[in-house]
C-alpha atoms as a PDB file:
ATOM      1  CA  MET A   1      -5.897   8.376 -17.548  1.00  0.00           C
ATOM      2  CA  GLU A   2      -4.875   8.892 -13.929  1.00  0.00           C
ATOM      3  CA  GLU A   3      -2.326   6.029 -14.210  1.00  0.00           C
ATOM      4  CA  TYR A   4      -0.881   7.620 -17.318  1.00  0.00           C
ATOM      5  CA  ASP A   5      -0.562  11.003 -15.597  1.00  0.00           C
ATOM      6  CA  SER A   6       0.996   9.476 -12.484  1.00  0.00           C
ATOM      7  CA  GLY A   7       3.659   7.873 -14.669  1.00  0.00           C
ATOM      8  CA  CYS A   8       4.391  10.887 -16.843  1.00  0.00           C
ATOM      9  CA  ILE A   9       4.735  13.491 -14.108  1.00  0.00           C
ATOM     10  CA  PRO A  10       7.709  11.779 -12.338  1.00  0.00           C
ATOM     11  CA  VAL A  11       9.388  11.206 -15.694  1.00  0.00           C
ATOM     12  CA  PHE A  12       8.983  14.884 -16.566  1.00  0.00           C
ATOM     13  CA  ILE A  13      10.378  15.951 -13.185  1.00  0.00           C
ATOM     14  CA  SER A  14      13.318  13.564 -13.594  1.00  0.00           C
ATOM     15  CA  PHE A  15      13.981  14.962 -17.056  1.00  0.00           C
ATOM     16  CA  ILE A  16      14.038  18.541 -15.688  1.00  0.00           C
ATOM     17  CA  ILE A  17      16.449  17.525 -12.913  1.00  0.00           C
ATOM     18  CA  ALA A  18      18.687  15.826 -15.471  1.00  0.00           C
ATOM     19  CA  LEU A  19      18.769  19.017 -17.568  1.00  0.00           C
ATOM     20  CA  ILE A  20      19.604  21.181 -14.565  1.00  0.00           C
ATOM     21  CA  PHE A  21      22.414  18.923 -13.425  1.00  0.00           C
ATOM     22  CA  PHE A  22      23.387  17.815 -16.931  1.00  0.00           C
ATOM     23  CA  PRO A  23      27.172  17.380 -16.421  1.00  0.00           C
ATOM     24  CA  ILE A  24      26.588  15.176 -13.397  1.00  0.00           C
ATOM     25  CA  ALA A  25      23.424  13.495 -14.679  1.00  0.00           C
ATOM     26  CA  ILE A  26      25.031  12.434 -17.945  1.00  0.00           C
ATOM     27  CA  CYS A  27      27.366  10.165 -15.977  1.00  0.00           C
ATOM     28  CA  THR A  28      24.567   8.586 -13.964  1.00  0.00           C
ATOM     29  CA  CYS A  29      21.959   8.260 -16.721  1.00  0.00           C
ATOM     30  CA  ILE A  30      24.016   6.517 -19.389  1.00  0.00           C
ATOM     31  CA  LYS A  31      24.771   2.848 -18.756  1.00  0.00           C
ATOM     32  CA  ILE A  32      26.764   0.500 -20.958  1.00  0.00           C
ATOM     33  CA  VAL A  33      25.388  -3.023 -21.325  1.00  0.00           C
ATOM     34  CA  GLN A  34      27.843  -5.624 -22.633  1.00  0.00           C
ATOM     35  CA  GLU A  35      27.111  -8.061 -25.449  1.00  0.00           C
ATOM     36  CA  TYR A  36      26.643 -10.949 -23.000  1.00  0.00           C
ATOM     37  CA  GLU A  37      24.398  -8.928 -20.666  1.00  0.00           C
ATOM     38  CA  ARG A  38      20.854  -7.606 -20.582  1.00  0.00           C
ATOM     39  CA  ALA A  39      19.488  -4.796 -18.411  1.00  0.00           C
ATOM     40  CA  VAL A  40      16.106  -5.068 -16.701  1.00  0.00           C
ATOM     41  CA  ILE A  41      14.861  -1.540 -15.872  1.00  0.00           C
ATOM     42  CA  PHE A  42      12.280  -0.826 -13.180  1.00  0.00           C
ATOM     43  CA  ARG A  43      10.476   2.507 -13.401  1.00  0.00           C
ATOM     44  CA  LEU A  44       8.591   3.390 -10.242  1.00  0.00           C
ATOM     45  CA  GLY A  45       8.729  -0.291  -9.260  1.00  0.00           C
ATOM     46  CA  LYS A  46       7.425  -1.635 -12.584  1.00  0.00           C
ATOM     47  CA  ILE A  47       9.391  -3.276 -15.376  1.00  0.00           C
ATOM     48  CA  ILE A  48       9.266  -0.968 -18.393  1.00  0.00           C
ATOM     49  CA  GLY A  49       7.836  -2.329 -21.615  1.00  0.00           C
ATOM     50  CA  GLY A  50       9.873  -3.655 -24.497  1.00  0.00           C
ATOM     51  CA  GLY A  51      11.642  -6.366 -22.548  1.00  0.00           C
ATOM     52  CA  ALA A  52      15.227  -6.375 -21.337  1.00  0.00           C
ATOM     53  CA  LYS A  53      17.527  -3.726 -22.776  1.00  0.00           C
ATOM     54  CA  GLY A  54      20.885  -4.091 -24.427  1.00  0.00           C
ATOM     55  CA  PRO A  55      23.482  -4.605 -25.558  1.00  0.00           C
ATOM     56  CA  GLY A  56      24.734  -1.059 -25.990  1.00  0.00           C
ATOM     57  CA  ILE A  57      23.803   2.248 -24.348  1.00  0.00           C
ATOM     58  CA  VAL A  58      20.854   2.306 -21.958  1.00  0.00           C
ATOM     59  CA  ILE A  59      19.323   5.445 -20.416  1.00  0.00           C
ATOM     60  CA  VAL A  60      18.420   5.190 -16.725  1.00  0.00           C
ATOM     61  CA  TRP A  61      16.632   8.236 -15.358  1.00  0.00           C
ATOM     62  CA  PRO A  62      17.690   9.331 -11.885  1.00  0.00           C
ATOM     63  CA  CYS A  63      15.299   9.055  -8.951  1.00  0.00           C
ATOM     64  CA  ILE A  64      12.663   7.026 -10.799  1.00  0.00           C
ATOM     65  CA  ASP A  65      14.581   4.207 -12.511  1.00  0.00           C
ATOM     66  CA  GLU A  66      16.423   1.230 -11.117  1.00  0.00           C
ATOM     67  CA  TYR A  67      18.147  -1.379 -13.225  1.00  0.00           C
ATOM     68  CA  LYS A  68      19.729  -4.778 -12.845  1.00  0.00           C
ATOM     69  CA  THR A  69      22.097  -6.407 -15.321  1.00  0.00           C
ATOM     70  CA  VAL A  70      21.758 -10.117 -16.021  1.00  0.00           C
ATOM     71  CA  ASP A  71      24.637 -12.245 -17.345  1.00  0.00           C
ATOM     72  CA  LEU A  72      23.493 -14.522 -20.186  1.00  0.00           C
ATOM     73  CA  ARG A  73      26.635 -16.654 -20.328  1.00  0.00           C
ATOM     74  CA  THR A  74      26.668 -20.283 -19.259  1.00  0.00           C
ATOM     75  CA  LYS A  75      27.501 -20.732 -15.588  1.00  0.00           C
ATOM     76  CA  ALA A  76      28.663 -23.749 -13.629  1.00  0.00           C
ATOM     77  CA  VAL A  77      27.303 -24.106 -10.109  1.00  0.00           C
ATOM     78  CA  ASN A  78      28.775 -26.751  -7.817  1.00  0.00           C
ATOM     79  CA  VAL A  79      26.127 -28.658  -5.928  1.00  0.00           C
ATOM     80  CA  ALA A  80      27.155 -29.081  -2.305  1.00  0.00           C
ATOM     81  CA  PRO A  81      28.283 -32.668  -1.500  1.00  0.00           C
ATOM     82  CA  GLN A  82      25.502 -34.549   0.217  1.00  0.00           C
ATOM     83  CA  SER A  83      25.102 -37.955   1.815  1.00  0.00           C
ATOM     84  CA  ILE A  84      22.426 -40.078   0.140  1.00  0.00           C
ATOM     85  CA  LEU A  85      20.955 -43.380   1.329  1.00  0.00           C
ATOM     86  CA  THR A  86      20.413 -45.681  -1.645  1.00  0.00           C
ATOM     87  CA  ARG A  87      17.564 -48.143  -2.036  1.00  0.00           C
ATOM     88  CA  ASP A  88      19.770 -50.989  -0.782  1.00  0.00           C
ATOM     89  CA  SER A  89      20.651 -48.973   2.365  1.00  0.00           C
ATOM     90  CA  VAL A  90      24.152 -47.873   1.344  1.00  0.00           C
ATOM     91  CA  SER A  91      25.253 -44.372   2.342  1.00  0.00           C
ATOM     92  CA  VAL A  92      27.134 -42.587  -0.473  1.00  0.00           C
ATOM     93  CA  THR A  93      28.414 -39.022  -0.822  1.00  0.00           C
ATOM     94  CA  VAL A  94      27.660 -37.423  -4.191  1.00  0.00           C
ATOM     95  CA  ASP A  95      29.366 -34.413  -5.807  1.00  0.00           C
ATOM     96  CA  ALA A  96      27.666 -32.827  -8.826  1.00  0.00           C
ATOM     97  CA  VAL A  97      27.863 -29.740 -11.024  1.00  0.00           C
ATOM     98  CA  VAL A  98      25.084 -28.046 -13.017  1.00  0.00           C
ATOM     99  CA  TYR A  99      25.676 -25.979 -16.165  1.00  0.00           C
ATOM    100  CA  TYR A 100      22.947 -23.450 -16.926  1.00  0.00           C
ATOM    101  CA  ARG A 101      22.321 -20.078 -18.532  1.00  0.00           C
ATOM    102  CA  VAL A 102      19.646 -17.393 -18.284  1.00  0.00           C
ATOM    103  CA  SER A 103      17.347 -17.513 -21.305  1.00  0.00           C
ATOM    104  CA  ASP A 104      14.883 -14.828 -20.141  1.00  0.00           C
ATOM    105  CA  ALA A 105      16.412 -11.945 -18.197  1.00  0.00           C
ATOM    106  CA  ILE A 106      13.079 -10.524 -17.014  1.00  0.00           C
ATOM    107  CA  LEU A 107      11.869 -13.831 -15.549  1.00  0.00           C
ATOM    108  CA  SER A 108      15.219 -14.427 -13.832  1.00  0.00           C
ATOM    109  CA  VAL A 109      14.838 -11.077 -12.043  1.00  0.00           C
ATOM    110  CA  ALA A 110      11.092 -10.971 -11.418  1.00  0.00           C
ATOM    111  CA  LYS A 111      10.397 -14.627 -10.533  1.00  0.00           C
ATOM    112  CA  VAL A 112      13.356 -15.617  -8.345  1.00  0.00           C
ATOM    113  CA  GLU A 113      15.531 -13.699  -5.916  1.00  0.00           C
ATOM    114  CA  ASN A 114      18.833 -15.527  -6.451  1.00  0.00           C
ATOM    115  CA  VAL A 115      19.139 -17.650  -9.569  1.00  0.00           C
ATOM    116  CA  ASP A 116      22.437 -19.306  -8.616  1.00  0.00           C
ATOM    117  CA  GLN A 117      21.375 -20.308  -5.125  1.00  0.00           C
ATOM    118  CA  SER A 118      17.903 -21.425  -6.182  1.00  0.00           C
ATOM    119  CA  THR A 119      19.263 -23.563  -9.027  1.00  0.00           C
ATOM    120  CA  SER A 120      21.849 -25.155  -6.731  1.00  0.00           C
ATOM    121  CA  LEU A 121      19.281 -25.993  -4.039  1.00  0.00           C
ATOM    122  CA  LEU A 122      16.851 -27.375  -6.603  1.00  0.00           C
ATOM    123  CA  ALA A 123      19.589 -29.534  -8.141  1.00  0.00           C
ATOM    124  CA  GLN A 124      20.566 -30.783  -4.692  1.00  0.00           C
ATOM    125  CA  SER A 125      17.009 -31.863  -3.971  1.00  0.00           C
ATOM    126  CA  ALA A 126      16.548 -33.456  -7.409  1.00  0.00           C
ATOM    127  CA  ILE A 127      19.784 -35.461  -7.096  1.00  0.00           C
ATOM    128  CA  ARG A 128      18.832 -36.714  -3.643  1.00  0.00           C
ATOM    129  CA  ASP A 129      15.377 -37.805  -4.839  1.00  0.00           C
ATOM    130  CA  ALA A 130      16.701 -39.453  -8.016  1.00  0.00           C
ATOM    131  CA  LEU A 131      19.566 -41.424  -6.463  1.00  0.00           C
ATOM    132  CA  GLY A 132      17.585 -42.387  -3.370  1.00  0.00           C
ATOM    133  CA  THR A 133      15.378 -44.641  -5.508  1.00  0.00           C
ATOM    134  CA  LYS A 134      18.322 -46.573  -7.010  1.00  0.00           C
ATOM    135  CA  THR A 135      20.642 -49.248  -5.706  1.00  0.00           C
ATOM    136  CA  LEU A 136      24.390 -48.692  -5.536  1.00  0.00           C
ATOM    137  CA  ALA A 137      24.954 -50.908  -8.577  1.00  0.00           C
ATOM    138  CA  GLU A 138      22.382 -48.945 -10.580  1.00  0.00           C
ATOM    139  CA  ILE A 139      23.977 -45.617  -9.613  1.00  0.00           C
ATOM    140  CA  LEU A 140      27.403 -46.781 -10.764  1.00  0.00           C
ATOM    141  CA  SER A 141      26.239 -48.486 -13.966  1.00  0.00           C
ATOM    142  CA  THR A 142      23.550 -46.053 -15.210  1.00  0.00           C
ATOM    143  CA  ARG A 143      25.239 -42.712 -14.543  1.00  0.00           C
ATOM    144  CA  ASP A 144      24.633 -41.344 -18.069  1.00  0.00           C
ATOM    145  CA  GLU A 145      20.948 -42.215 -17.932  1.00  0.00           C
ATOM    146  CA  THR A 146      20.638 -40.647 -14.476  1.00  0.00           C
ATOM    147  CA  VAL A 147      22.231 -37.317 -15.438  1.00  0.00           C
ATOM    148  CA  ALA A 148      20.101 -37.106 -18.601  1.00  0.00           C
ATOM    149  CA  ARG A 149      16.961 -37.570 -16.520  1.00  0.00           C
ATOM    150  CA  LEU A 150      18.162 -34.992 -13.990  1.00  0.00           C
ATOM    151  CA  GLN A 151      18.838 -32.473 -16.755  1.00  0.00           C
ATOM    152  CA  THR A 152      15.316 -32.879 -18.143  1.00  0.00           C
ATOM    153  CA  GLN A 153      13.781 -32.588 -14.686  1.00  0.00           C
ATOM    154  CA  LEU A 154      15.771 -29.481 -13.709  1.00  0.00           C
ATOM    155  CA  ASP A 155      15.224 -27.812 -17.069  1.00  0.00           C
ATOM    156  CA  GLY A 156      11.469 -28.138 -16.676  1.00  0.00           C
ATOM    157  CA  ALA A 157      11.527 -26.882 -13.090  1.00  0.00           C
ATOM    158  CA  THR A 158      13.690 -23.815 -13.826  1.00  0.00           C
ATOM    159  CA  ASP A 159      11.886 -22.820 -17.013  1.00  0.00           C
ATOM    160  CA  ARG A 160       9.528 -20.544 -15.060  1.00  0.00           C
ATOM    161  CA  TRP A 161      12.623 -18.697 -13.780  1.00  0.00           C
ATOM    162  CA  GLY A 162      13.896 -18.051 -17.298  1.00  0.00           C
ATOM    163  CA  VAL A 163      16.742 -20.532 -16.820  1.00  0.00           C
ATOM    164  CA  LYS A 164      17.939 -23.170 -19.302  1.00  0.00           C
ATOM    165  CA  VAL A 165      19.780 -26.149 -17.769  1.00  0.00           C
ATOM    166  CA  GLU A 166      22.298 -27.356 -20.355  1.00  0.00           C
ATOM    167  CA  ARG A 167      24.046 -30.198 -18.573  1.00  0.00           C
ATOM    168  CA  VAL A 168      24.259 -32.028 -15.255  1.00  0.00           C
ATOM    169  CA  GLU A 169      27.337 -34.005 -14.266  1.00  0.00           C
ATOM    170  CA  ILE A 170      27.930 -36.294 -11.303  1.00  0.00           C
ATOM    171  CA  LYS A 171      31.597 -35.710 -10.537  1.00  0.00           C
ATOM    172  CA  ASP A 172      32.119 -38.303  -7.846  1.00  0.00           C
ATOM    173  CA  VAL A 173      30.302 -40.989  -5.881  1.00  0.00           C
ATOM    174  CA  ARG A 174      32.255 -41.677  -2.694  1.00  0.00           C
ATOM    175  CA  LEU A 175      31.635 -44.900  -0.791  1.00  0.00           C
ATOM    176  CA  PRO A 176      32.196 -45.520   2.938  1.00  0.00           C
ATOM    177  CA  PRO A 177      35.753 -46.785   3.712  1.00  0.00           C
ATOM    178  CA  GLN A 178      34.537 -50.152   5.001  1.00  0.00           C
ATOM    179  CA  LEU A 179      32.519 -50.708   1.833  1.00  0.00           C
ATOM    180  CA  GLN A 180      35.526 -49.796  -0.310  1.00  0.00           C
ATOM    181  CA  ARG A 181      37.609 -52.413   1.505  1.00  0.00           C
ATOM    182  CA  ALA A 182      34.861 -55.010   1.082  1.00  0.00           C
ATOM    183  CA  MET A 183      34.557 -54.296  -2.650  1.00  0.00           C
ATOM    184  CA  ALA A 184      38.346 -54.439  -3.059  1.00  0.00           C
ATOM    185  CA  ALA A 185      38.443 -57.810  -1.278  1.00  0.00           C
ATOM    186  CA  GLU A 186      35.614 -59.082  -3.466  1.00  0.00           C
ATOM    187  CA  ALA A 187      37.409 -57.955  -6.624  1.00  0.00           C
ATOM    188  CA  GLU A 188      40.650 -59.602  -5.466  1.00  0.00           C
ATOM    189  CA  ALA A 189      38.812 -62.847  -4.733  1.00  0.00           C
ATOM    190  CA  GLY A 190      37.256 -62.729  -8.182  1.00  0.00           C
ATOM    191  CA  ARG A 191      40.669 -62.275  -9.823  1.00  0.00           C
ATOM    192  CA  GLU A 192      42.121 -65.175  -7.842  1.00  0.00           C
ATOM    193  CA  ALA A 193      39.184 -67.392  -8.795  1.00  0.00           C
ATOM    194  CA  ARG A 194      39.629 -66.562 -12.493  1.00  0.00           C
ATOM    195  CA  ALA A 195      43.366 -67.277 -12.240  1.00  0.00           C
ATOM    196  CA  LYS A 196      42.679 -70.680 -10.682  1.00  0.00           C
ATOM    197  CA  VAL A 197      40.195 -71.503 -13.427  1.00  0.00           C
ATOM    198  CA  ILE A 198      42.764 -70.601 -16.090  1.00  0.00           C
ATOM    199  CA  ILE A 199      45.431 -72.756 -14.394  1.00  0.00           C
ATOM    200  CA  ALA A 200      43.003 -75.673 -14.064  1.00  0.00           C
ATOM    201  CA  GLU A 201      42.028 -75.422 -17.729  1.00  0.00           C
ATOM    202  CA  GLY A 202      45.715 -75.418 -18.715  1.00  0.00           C
ATOM    203  CA  GLU A 203      46.424 -78.479 -16.592  1.00  0.00           C
ATOM    204  CA  MET A 204      43.412 -80.252 -18.062  1.00  0.00           C
ATOM    205  CA  ARG A 205      44.602 -79.581 -21.619  1.00  0.00           C
ATOM    206  CA  ALA A 206      48.121 -80.720 -20.694  1.00  0.00           C
ATOM    207  CA  ALA A 207      46.729 -83.910 -19.154  1.00  0.00           C
ATOM    208  CA  LYS A 208      44.742 -84.643 -22.311  1.00  0.00           C
ATOM    209  CA  ALA A 209      47.846 -84.084 -24.441  1.00  0.00           C
ATOM    210  CA  LEU A 210      49.903 -86.425 -22.232  1.00  0.00           C
ATOM    211  CA  GLN A 211      47.163 -89.032 -22.381  1.00  0.00           C
ATOM    212  CA  GLN A 212      47.114 -88.874 -26.170  1.00  0.00           C
ATOM    213  CA  ALA A 213      50.913 -89.079 -26.303  1.00  0.00           C
ATOM    214  CA  SER A 214      50.948 -92.098 -23.979  1.00  0.00           C
ATOM    215  CA  GLU A 215      48.364 -93.827 -26.147  1.00  0.00           C
ATOM    216  CA  VAL A 216      50.491 -93.249 -29.255  1.00  0.00           C
ATOM    217  CA  ILE A 217      53.659 -94.480 -27.532  1.00  0.00           C
ATOM    218  CA  SER A 218      51.958 -97.543 -26.037  1.00  0.00           C
ATOM    219  CA  ASP A 219      50.701 -98.578 -29.474  1.00  0.00           C
ATOM    220  CA  SER A 220      54.266 -98.619 -30.877  1.00  0.00           C
ATOM    221  CA  GLU A 221      56.949-100.653 -29.096  1.00  0.00           C
ATOM    222  CA  GLN A 222      59.740 -99.010 -31.036  1.00  0.00           C
ATOM    223  CA  ALA A 223      58.490 -95.540 -30.089  1.00  0.00           C
ATOM    224  CA  LEU A 224      58.512 -96.582 -26.433  1.00  0.00           C
ATOM    225  CA  GLN A 225      62.100 -97.820 -26.704  1.00  0.00           C
ATOM    226  CA  LEU A 226      63.230 -94.635 -28.443  1.00  0.00           C
ATOM    227  CA  ARG A 227      61.595 -92.612 -25.701  1.00  0.00           C
ATOM    228  CA  TYR A 228      63.555 -94.686 -23.186  1.00  0.00           C
ATOM    229  CA  LEU A 229      66.825 -93.873 -24.951  1.00  0.00           C
ATOM    230  CA  GLN A 230      65.955 -90.190 -25.120  1.00  0.00           C
ATOM    231  CA  THR A 231      65.248 -90.093 -21.399  1.00  0.00           C
ATOM    232  CA  MET A 232      68.567 -91.760 -20.609  1.00  0.00           C
ATOM    233  CA  HIS A 233      70.381 -89.254 -22.808  1.00  0.00           C
ATOM    234  CA  GLN A 234      68.766 -86.350 -20.974  1.00  0.00           C
ATOM    235  CA  VAL A 235      69.719 -87.810 -17.607  1.00  0.00           C
ATOM    236  CA  SER A 236      73.347 -88.312 -18.630  1.00  0.00           C
ATOM    237  CA  SER A 237      73.688 -84.808 -20.110  1.00  0.00           C
ATOM    238  CA  GLU A 238      72.745 -83.075 -16.865  1.00  0.00           C
ATOM    239  CA  LYS A 239      75.965 -84.149 -15.099  1.00  0.00           C
ATOM    240  CA  ASN A 240      79.436 -84.843 -16.454  1.00  0.00           C
ATOM    241  CA  SER A 241      79.497 -88.467 -15.369  1.00  0.00           C
ATOM    242  CA  THR A 242      79.242 -91.948 -16.807  1.00  0.00           C
ATOM    243  CA  ILE A 243      76.058 -93.876 -16.180  1.00  0.00           C
ATOM    244  CA  LEU A 244      75.787 -97.620 -16.853  1.00  0.00           C
ATOM    245  CA  PHE A 245      72.321 -98.929 -17.418  1.00  0.00           C
ATOM    246  CA  PRO A 246      71.018-102.181 -18.949  1.00  0.00           C
ATOM    247  CA  LEU A 247      69.988-102.057 -22.557  1.00  0.00           C
ATOM    248  CA  PRO A 248      67.514-104.588 -23.943  1.00  0.00           C
ATOM    249  CA  ILE A 249      68.820-106.647 -26.858  1.00  0.00           C
ATOM    250  CA  ASP A 250      66.019-105.623 -29.193  1.00  0.00           C
ATOM    251  CA  MET A 251      66.757-101.951 -28.517  1.00  0.00           C
ATOM    252  CA  GLY A 252      70.453-102.556 -29.252  1.00  0.00           C
ATOM    253  CA  LEU A 253      69.548-104.237 -32.507  1.00  0.00           C
ATOM    254  CA  ILE A 254      67.346-101.330 -33.473  1.00  0.00           C
ATOM    255  CA  HIS A 255      70.143 -98.878 -32.734  1.00  0.00           C
ATOM    256  CA  TYR A 256      72.696-101.044 -34.578  1.00  0.00           C
ATOM    257  CA  SER A 257      70.523-101.398 -37.675  1.00  0.00           C
ATOM    258  CA  THR A 258      69.818 -97.677 -37.714  1.00  0.00           C
ATOM    259  CA  ALA A 259      73.535 -96.851 -37.491  1.00  0.00           C
ATOM    260  CA  ALA A 260      74.374 -99.347 -40.246  1.00  0.00           C
ATOM    261  CA  LYS A 261      71.829 -97.846 -42.588  1.00  0.00           C
ATOM    262  CA  THR A 262      73.248 -94.417 -41.896  1.00  0.00           C
ATOM    263  CA  LYS A 263      76.802 -95.527 -42.803  1.00  0.00           C
ATOM    264  CA  GLN A 264      75.629 -97.215 -46.003  1.00  0.00           C
ATOM    265  CA  ALA A 265      73.841 -94.052 -47.045  1.00  0.00           C
END
């Protein structure tokens, strides 16, 4: 009963003051809360019942009421770049961003002083702990799995603050300059090795084809002689000159018989 009276008397006095100074009080008592906002009202240091107020018009009594508006829209907070030592002793610098929104306005006001700063610091600590247990190769190859795990971890930790973590993104993983040069050299060596393998495979296939062709030509004496004539023709066509070379009798007979058959046809 005493608690009820102690709460009603200040409200009654505030109401009387508002009536006396109505033209001025009307401007200070009426607050407009936007659609994306909620107002948490403290009366004599206590949050009034009924939860957060808004959207619309909210009455705040002078002298006894204080209020704080909370934005419910999704926010993006940049996590400060930090140097992390991986499990294989590589120092990397990580940039990340956290997307979150306030799901409970009262908890975000009553349970934490600064939602943005607290969420950023918590994300910074979670990222350092998560990436510190992985090797550099795991960080680069399992980024999606890492951010999903970070989102679940941060969402559970910020739930008591009335905060819902929607997404975590690792924007960049910067390596030390000397490590970048070493990785570039390794990649270049790998490309050169693959190029040499491709060239060697091509030469091997060409050698097999030449071996098969030589076997076919060696099995046929006429084919070998025709190949000889073809080679001589190619040599003579390169320069405008006359070349005399010995011609075996059997090759001449083959050429003569072929020409005779052509004329008869």
